[in-house]
Amino acid sequence: MRVALLLSVFALAACGSAEDEQADPASAPSAGAAIPDGGLSVQEALDSDLEGPLLVRGYLIERAGELRLCDAILESSPPQCGEPSLRVEGPAPAASERRVSLLGDIESDTITVSETATG
């Protein structure tokens, strides 16, 4: 069921042709896997009324032991998380200040990533 949900969200977020939207389920990423540029923005995820895991894209920033998924990176030294953002709980890829997508449940200002997350 998660693969079907992931493919549905990915197909809605993709801006490609019909051929691009017909992804092979065997090649679908595991829940919580990083996927460059796929999914909803952080703001879209916060505004969503959908239940269950959402695929959310953003930049991972770690500061003071807290990992956040941010819509933007502020130009500062060191780089800071631009708002809106979500606190990341559960296993997630290492913070890299690069664009990633995470599959997880959204509650308030937190995304809880599946235990099958990979970097």
Protein backbone atom coordinates (compact mmCIF):
# COMPACT_ATOMS: atom_id res chain seq x y z
CA MET A 1 0.00 0.00 0.00
CA ARG A 2 2.87 2.41 0.77
CA VAL A 3 4.37 1.81 -2.67
CA ALA A 4 1.02 2.67 -4.29
CA LEU A 5 0.75 5.84 -2.16
CA LEU A 6 4.34 6.79 -2.94
CA LEU A 7 3.76 6.31 -6.67
CA SER A 8 0.54 8.34 -6.52
CA VAL A 9 2.21 11.27 -4.74
CA PHE A 10 5.24 11.06 -7.02
CA ALA A 11 3.04 11.02 -10.16
CA LEU A 12 1.11 14.09 -8.95
CA ALA A 13 4.29 15.99 -8.14
CA ALA A 14 6.16 15.06 -11.32
CA CYS A 15 6.19 17.45 -14.23
CA GLY A 16 7.07 14.93 -16.93
CA SER A 17 5.27 13.08 -19.66
CA ALA A 18 2.87 10.17 -19.21
CA GLU A 19 5.82 7.84 -19.80
CA ASP A 20 7.62 9.36 -16.80
CA GLU A 21 4.57 8.82 -14.55
CA GLN A 22 4.40 5.09 -15.23
CA ALA A 23 7.27 4.10 -12.95
CA ASP A 24 8.17 0.46 -12.47
CA PRO A 25 6.98 -0.50 -8.92
CA ALA A 26 10.05 -2.74 -8.55
CA SER A 27 12.27 0.33 -8.86
CA ALA A 28 10.26 2.41 -6.37
CA PRO A 29 12.30 3.62 -3.39
CA SER A 30 11.71 2.24 0.06
CA ALA A 31 9.68 4.35 2.48
CA GLY A 32 11.73 7.25 3.78
CA ALA A 33 14.39 6.95 1.07
CA ALA A 34 15.89 10.15 -0.28
CA ILE A 35 14.61 10.98 -3.77
CA PRO A 36 16.02 14.08 -5.48
CA ASP A 37 13.31 16.69 -6.27
CA GLY A 38 10.26 14.43 -5.72
CA GLY A 39 7.18 15.12 -3.62
CA LEU A 40 5.46 18.08 -1.96
CA SER A 41 7.19 21.21 -0.72
CA VAL A 42 7.35 21.63 3.06
CA GLN A 43 4.63 24.29 2.87
CA GLU A 44 2.37 22.03 0.75
CA ALA A 45 2.86 19.20 3.28
CA LEU A 46 1.99 21.51 6.20
CA ASP A 47 -1.14 22.71 4.37
CA SER A 48 -2.23 19.18 3.35
CA ASP A 49 -5.27 17.46 4.84
CA LEU A 50 -4.15 14.05 3.55
CA GLU A 51 -3.69 11.25 6.07
CA GLY A 52 -0.82 8.80 6.03
CA PRO A 53 2.76 9.25 4.90
CA LEU A 54 3.60 12.07 2.49
CA LEU A 55 6.61 12.44 0.23
CA VAL A 56 8.13 15.83 1.12
CA ARG A 57 11.08 17.54 -0.59
CA GLY A 58 13.43 20.06 0.91
CA TYR A 59 16.93 20.61 2.24
CA LEU A 60 18.25 18.74 5.27
CA ILE A 61 20.00 21.03 7.75
CA GLU A 62 21.39 19.94 11.11
CA ARG A 63 22.11 22.52 13.77
CA ALA A 64 22.59 22.02 17.50
CA GLY A 65 21.63 18.35 17.25
CA GLU A 66 18.28 18.99 15.53
CA LEU A 67 17.62 17.82 11.97
CA ARG A 68 15.17 19.91 9.90
CA LEU A 69 13.72 19.57 6.41
CA CYS A 70 13.61 23.13 5.04
CA ASP A 71 11.99 24.72 1.99
CA ALA A 72 15.10 26.87 1.48
CA ILE A 73 18.64 27.41 2.71
CA LEU A 74 19.48 30.91 3.93
CA GLU A 75 22.73 32.42 2.70
CA SER A 76 24.61 32.63 5.95
CA SER A 77 27.71 31.04 7.39
CA PRO A 78 27.00 28.37 8.40
CA PRO A 79 23.89 27.92 6.22
CA GLN A 80 20.61 28.20 8.12
CA CYS A 81 17.21 26.64 7.54
CA GLY A 82 14.70 28.87 5.76
CA GLU A 83 11.07 28.67 6.83
CA PRO A 84 8.80 26.86 6.60
CA SER A 85 10.51 23.75 7.91
CA LEU A 86 9.77 20.43 9.57
CA ARG A 87 11.65 18.82 12.44
CA VAL A 88 12.79 15.35 11.30
CA GLU A 89 12.30 12.40 13.65
CA GLY A 90 13.29 8.80 13.05
CA PRO A 91 16.02 7.52 10.81
CA ALA A 92 16.85 9.87 7.94
CA PRO A 93 19.71 10.49 5.55
CA ALA A 94 22.64 12.43 6.96
CA ALA A 95 22.20 16.20 6.80
CA SER A 96 23.86 17.35 3.63
CA GLU A 97 22.39 20.76 2.74
CA ARG A 98 21.28 19.24 -0.56
CA ARG A 99 17.75 18.73 -1.86
CA VAL A 100 16.17 15.42 -0.82
CA SER A 101 12.70 13.92 -0.41
CA LEU A 102 11.53 12.00 2.63
CA LEU A 103 8.47 9.80 3.07
CA GLY A 104 6.92 10.19 6.49
CA ASP A 105 3.94 11.11 8.62
CA ILE A 106 3.36 14.82 9.26
CA GLU A 107 2.08 15.98 12.63
CA SER A 108 2.23 19.64 13.61
CA ASP A 109 5.76 20.78 12.62
CA THR A 110 7.33 17.28 12.54
CA ILE A 111 7.88 14.64 9.89
CA THR A 112 8.39 11.15 11.31
CA VAL A 113 10.36 9.17 8.76
CA SER A 114 9.84 5.44 8.25
CA GLU A 115 12.35 3.07 9.83
CA THR A 116 13.44 2.00 6.34
CA ALA A 117 15.00 5.39 5.56
CA THR A 118 18.29 5.30 3.70
CA GLY A 119 20.76 7.97 2.65
